[in-house]
């Protein structure tokens, strides 16, 4: 790859799992392959933790906060 725009891979709209989950996309569990990741606390506006409704596997992220 030489860095030219025409040689670069097209990046999908949601390139990270947390963006896909936050947008409401239903993602199959990567551990069991049967369940769907659900918000740990569906009552709040922003979730940082999603749990598989079949096996209990979790996906957690910590937001990056920049203090100036």
Protein backbone atom coordinates (compact mmCIF):
# COMPACT_ATOMS: atom_id res chain seq x y z
CA UNK A 1 0.00 0.00 0.00
CA UNK A 2 1.46 3.31 -1.02
CA UNK A 3 -0.98 5.66 0.76
CA UNK A 4 -2.80 6.75 -2.37
CA UNK A 5 -6.51 7.35 -1.82
CA UNK A 6 -7.55 4.97 -4.61
CA UNK A 7 -5.54 2.16 -2.97
CA UNK A 8 -7.04 2.58 0.50
CA UNK A 9 -9.73 0.28 1.81
CA UNK A 10 -13.23 1.70 2.14
CA UNK A 11 -14.11 2.00 5.84
CA UNK A 12 -17.72 1.12 6.68
CA UNK A 13 -19.93 3.69 8.42
CA UNK A 14 -19.64 1.88 11.75
CA UNK A 15 -16.08 0.66 12.03
CA UNK A 16 -16.14 -0.24 15.71
CA UNK A 17 -18.34 -2.57 17.68
CA UNK A 18 -19.30 0.04 20.29
CA UNK A 19 -20.57 2.43 17.61
CA UNK A 20 -22.67 -0.36 16.13
CA UNK A 21 -24.08 -1.35 19.52
CA UNK A 22 -24.77 2.27 20.47
CA UNK A 23 -26.68 2.81 17.24
CA UNK A 24 -29.01 -0.06 18.16
CA UNK A 25 -27.61 -2.72 15.85
CA UNK A 26 -28.18 -6.25 17.12
CA UNK A 27 -24.84 -8.05 17.23
CA UNK A 28 -24.50 -11.79 17.77
CA UNK A 29 -22.31 -12.82 20.70
CA UNK A 30 -18.73 -13.52 19.68
CA UNK A 31 -18.34 -16.15 22.43
CA UNK A 32 -21.42 -18.40 22.11
CA UNK A 33 -22.69 -17.32 18.68
CA UNK A 34 -26.32 -17.67 19.84
CA UNK A 35 -27.18 -14.64 21.96
CA UNK A 36 -27.42 -10.94 21.23
CA UNK A 37 -25.50 -8.25 23.10
CA UNK A 38 -28.02 -6.18 25.10
CA UNK A 39 -27.39 -2.97 27.07
CA UNK A 40 -26.52 -3.66 30.71
CA UNK A 41 -28.81 -0.81 31.79
CA UNK A 42 -31.33 -0.06 29.03
CA UNK A 43 -32.90 2.80 31.05
CA UNK A 44 -29.93 5.14 30.56
CA UNK A 45 -29.18 7.12 27.41
CA UNK A 46 -25.54 5.96 27.00
CA UNK A 47 -24.35 2.47 27.87
CA UNK A 48 -20.74 1.44 28.35
CA UNK A 49 -21.48 -2.24 28.92
CA UNK A 50 -23.38 -4.79 26.85
CA UNK A 51 -24.15 -8.35 27.99
CA UNK A 52 -25.01 -11.43 25.90
CA UNK A 53 -28.58 -12.51 26.66
CA UNK A 54 -27.60 -16.19 26.24
CA UNK A 55 -24.21 -16.84 27.89
CA UNK A 56 -23.61 -13.64 29.88
CA UNK A 57 -20.42 -12.67 28.03
CA UNK A 58 -19.86 -8.93 28.23
CA UNK A 59 -18.49 -6.15 26.06
CA UNK A 60 -17.32 -3.10 28.00
CA UNK A 61 -15.66 0.12 26.93
CA UNK A 62 -14.32 3.10 28.82
CA UNK A 63 -14.95 6.51 27.27
CA UNK A 64 -11.93 8.69 26.60
CA UNK A 65 -12.28 12.02 28.36
CA UNK A 66 -9.92 14.79 27.39
CA UNK A 67 -9.42 17.47 30.03
CA UNK A 68 -7.97 20.81 28.89
